[in-house]
């Protein structure tokens, strides 16, 4: 609309027009939001379907590489976070190689 038309409206008429425009905008936004959410839902279903179709390749078991000399049942493969038993040992100045399983078994001989 052109601005000369707005200039001829009273304050009350402009306020009513503002409320109508606001209501119409809210309505259109809600419709578009619902359409977008539906599309996102369909995309999510499609992604889930393709992910479930793909099989992960089997990984071989990871053998332990390090052993706690104080408790031989506690081992660590070297992957992931440091185990609790190893952290204080390393802070104390020992090297990771000191805990290699071959090293531990060689020390016992």
C-alpha atoms as a PDB file:
ATOM      1  CA  UNK A   1       0.000   0.000   0.000  1.00  0.00           C
ATOM      2  CA  UNK A   2       1.090   3.541  -0.543  1.00  0.00           C
ATOM      3  CA  UNK A   3       1.837   5.896   2.332  1.00  0.00           C
ATOM      4  CA  UNK A   4      -0.676   8.654   1.337  1.00  0.00           C
ATOM      5  CA  UNK A   5      -3.403   6.175   2.237  1.00  0.00           C
ATOM      6  CA  UNK A   6      -1.899   5.727   5.715  1.00  0.00           C
ATOM      7  CA  UNK A   7      -1.668   9.471   6.163  1.00  0.00           C
ATOM      8  CA  UNK A   8      -5.434   9.768   5.744  1.00  0.00           C
ATOM      9  CA  UNK A   9      -6.186   7.199   8.499  1.00  0.00           C
ATOM     10  CA  UNK A  10      -6.821   8.196  12.076  1.00  0.00           C
ATOM     11  CA  UNK A  11      -4.735   6.855  14.950  1.00  0.00           C
ATOM     12  CA  UNK A  12      -7.497   4.401  15.891  1.00  0.00           C
ATOM     13  CA  UNK A  13      -7.785   3.160  12.305  1.00  0.00           C
ATOM     14  CA  UNK A  14      -3.992   2.720  12.106  1.00  0.00           C
ATOM     15  CA  UNK A  15      -4.000   0.794  15.384  1.00  0.00           C
ATOM     16  CA  UNK A  16      -6.749  -1.533  14.129  1.00  0.00           C
ATOM     17  CA  UNK A  17      -4.822  -2.035  10.899  1.00  0.00           C
ATOM     18  CA  UNK A  18      -1.668  -2.796  12.924  1.00  0.00           C
ATOM     19  CA  UNK A  19      -3.536  -5.430  14.958  1.00  0.00           C
ATOM     20  CA  UNK A  20      -4.924  -7.038  11.801  1.00  0.00           C
ATOM     21  CA  UNK A  21      -1.476  -7.170  10.178  1.00  0.00           C
ATOM     22  CA  UNK A  22       0.060  -8.605  13.343  1.00  0.00           C
ATOM     23  CA  UNK A  23      -2.627 -11.289  13.598  1.00  0.00           C
ATOM     24  CA  UNK A  24      -2.228 -12.198   9.933  1.00  0.00           C
ATOM     25  CA  UNK A  25       1.576 -12.386  10.276  1.00  0.00           C
ATOM     26  CA  UNK A  26       1.278 -14.647  13.328  1.00  0.00           C
ATOM     27  CA  UNK A  27      -1.076 -16.927  11.425  1.00  0.00           C
ATOM     28  CA  UNK A  28       1.251 -17.165   8.399  1.00  0.00           C
ATOM     29  CA  UNK A  29       4.293 -17.751  10.612  1.00  0.00           C
ATOM     30  CA  UNK A  30       2.526 -20.592  12.442  1.00  0.00           C
ATOM     31  CA  UNK A  31       1.565 -22.222   9.139  1.00  0.00           C
ATOM     32  CA  UNK A  32       5.123 -21.971   7.811  1.00  0.00           C
ATOM     33  CA  UNK A  33       6.544 -23.241  11.092  1.00  0.00           C
ATOM     34  CA  UNK A  34       4.253 -26.276  10.981  1.00  0.00           C
ATOM     35  CA  UNK A  35       5.315 -26.967   7.382  1.00  0.00           C
ATOM     36  CA  UNK A  36       9.002 -26.708   8.293  1.00  0.00           C
ATOM     37  CA  UNK A  37       8.578 -28.974  11.312  1.00  0.00           C
ATOM     38  CA  UNK A  38       6.831 -31.546   9.124  1.00  0.00           C
ATOM     39  CA  UNK A  39       9.679 -31.403   6.609  1.00  0.00           C
ATOM     40  CA  UNK A  40      12.253 -31.767   9.395  1.00  0.00           C
ATOM     41  CA  UNK A  41      10.315 -34.716  10.773  1.00  0.00           C
ATOM     42  CA  UNK A  42      10.309 -36.405   7.344  1.00  0.00           C
ATOM     43  CA  UNK A  43      14.027 -35.702   6.911  1.00  0.00           C
ATOM     44  CA  UNK A  44      14.710 -37.180  10.352  1.00  0.00           C
ATOM     45  CA  UNK A  45      12.758 -40.314   9.487  1.00  0.00           C
ATOM     46  CA  UNK A  46      14.662 -40.655   6.222  1.00  0.00           C
ATOM     47  CA  UNK A  47      18.011 -40.289   8.017  1.00  0.00           C
ATOM     48  CA  UNK A  48      17.026 -42.861  10.634  1.00  0.00           C
ATOM     49  CA  UNK A  49      15.982 -45.286   7.920  1.00  0.00           C
ATOM     50  CA  UNK A  50      19.267 -44.950   6.052  1.00  0.00           C
ATOM     51  CA  UNK A  51      21.298 -45.255   9.251  1.00  0.00           C
ATOM     52  CA  UNK A  52      19.532 -48.436  10.261  1.00  0.00           C
ATOM     53  CA  UNK A  53      20.111 -49.874   6.772  1.00  0.00           C
ATOM     54  CA  UNK A  54      23.861 -49.413   7.078  1.00  0.00           C
ATOM     55  CA  UNK A  55      25.685 -52.041   9.075  1.00  0.00           C
ATOM     56  CA  UNK A  56      28.805 -51.216  11.009  1.00  0.00           C
ATOM     57  CA  UNK A  57      31.743 -53.298  10.070  1.00  0.00           C
ATOM     58  CA  UNK A  58      32.843 -55.608  12.856  1.00  0.00           C
ATOM     59  CA  UNK A  59      35.943 -54.486  14.681  1.00  0.00           C
ATOM     60  CA  UNK A  60      38.355 -56.980  16.156  1.00  0.00           C
ATOM     61  CA  UNK A  61      38.561 -56.990  19.930  1.00  0.00           C
ATOM     62  CA  UNK A  62      41.207 -54.660  21.314  1.00  0.00           C
ATOM     63  CA  UNK A  63      43.690 -56.461  23.483  1.00  0.00           C
ATOM     64  CA  UNK A  64      44.980 -54.790  26.628  1.00  0.00           C
ATOM     65  CA  UNK A  65      48.339 -53.110  26.240  1.00  0.00           C
ATOM     66  CA  UNK A  66      48.968 -51.878  29.779  1.00  0.00           C
ATOM     67  CA  UNK A  67      48.542 -53.578  33.157  1.00  0.00           C
ATOM     68  CA  UNK A  68      48.442 -52.307  36.721  1.00  0.00           C
ATOM     69  CA  UNK A  69      51.355 -54.020  38.508  1.00  0.00           C
ATOM     70  CA  UNK A  70      49.568 -53.727  41.866  1.00  0.00           C
ATOM     71  CA  UNK A  71      46.382 -55.345  40.523  1.00  0.00           C
ATOM     72  CA  UNK A  72      46.994 -57.450  37.371  1.00  0.00           C
ATOM     73  CA  UNK A  73      43.247 -57.681  36.742  1.00  0.00           C
ATOM     74  CA  UNK A  74      43.233 -53.956  35.846  1.00  0.00           C
ATOM     75  CA  UNK A  75      44.303 -53.467  32.261  1.00  0.00           C
ATOM     76  CA  UNK A  76      43.995 -50.751  29.641  1.00  0.00           C
ATOM     77  CA  UNK A  77      44.085 -50.966  25.852  1.00  0.00           C
ATOM     78  CA  UNK A  78      45.601 -47.513  25.418  1.00  0.00           C
ATOM     79  CA  UNK A  79      42.394 -46.132  23.962  1.00  0.00           C
ATOM     80  CA  UNK A  80      40.087 -43.637  25.602  1.00  0.00           C
ATOM     81  CA  UNK A  81      40.620 -41.958  28.941  1.00  0.00           C
ATOM     82  CA  UNK A  82      43.460 -42.871  31.238  1.00  0.00           C
ATOM     83  CA  UNK A  83      42.302 -45.305  33.910  1.00  0.00           C
ATOM     84  CA  UNK A  84      42.241 -44.158  37.525  1.00  0.00           C
ATOM     85  CA  UNK A  85      45.029 -46.490  38.557  1.00  0.00           C
ATOM     86  CA  UNK A  86      47.379 -45.067  35.913  1.00  0.00           C
ATOM     87  CA  UNK A  87      46.917 -41.330  36.479  1.00  0.00           C
ATOM     88  CA  UNK A  88      48.729 -41.049  39.836  1.00  0.00           C
ATOM     89  CA  UNK A  89      51.543 -43.279  38.581  1.00  0.00           C
ATOM     90  CA  UNK A  90      52.206 -40.984  35.616  1.00  0.00           C
ATOM     91  CA  UNK A  91      52.001 -37.886  37.825  1.00  0.00           C
ATOM     92  CA  UNK A  92      54.538 -39.545  40.106  1.00  0.00           C
ATOM     93  CA  UNK A  93      57.094 -39.637  37.311  1.00  0.00           C
ATOM     94  CA  UNK A  94      56.691 -43.114  35.870  1.00  0.00           C
ATOM     95  CA  UNK A  95      56.481 -43.569  32.120  1.00  0.00           C
ATOM     96  CA  UNK A  96      53.623 -45.197  30.229  1.00  0.00           C
ATOM     97  CA  UNK A  97      56.066 -47.763  28.867  1.00  0.00           C
ATOM     98  CA  UNK A  98      56.639 -48.980  32.449  1.00  0.00           C
ATOM     99  CA  UNK A  99      53.149 -50.480  32.366  1.00  0.00           C
ATOM    100  CA  UNK A 100      53.338 -52.327  29.054  1.00  0.00           C
ATOM    101  CA  UNK A 101      52.111 -55.874  29.505  1.00  0.00           C
ATOM    102  CA  UNK A 102      55.317 -57.291  27.986  1.00  0.00           C
ATOM    103  CA  UNK A 103      57.339 -55.182  30.443  1.00  0.00           C
ATOM    104  CA  UNK A 104      55.320 -56.323  33.452  1.00  0.00           C
ATOM    105  CA  UNK A 105      55.570 -60.007  32.505  1.00  0.00           C
ATOM    106  CA  UNK A 106      59.343 -59.632  31.793  1.00  0.00           C
ATOM    107  CA  UNK A 107      59.916 -58.126  35.265  1.00  0.00           C
ATOM    108  CA  UNK A 108      58.293 -61.137  36.954  1.00  0.00           C
ATOM    109  CA  UNK A 109      60.749 -63.608  35.326  1.00  0.00           C
END
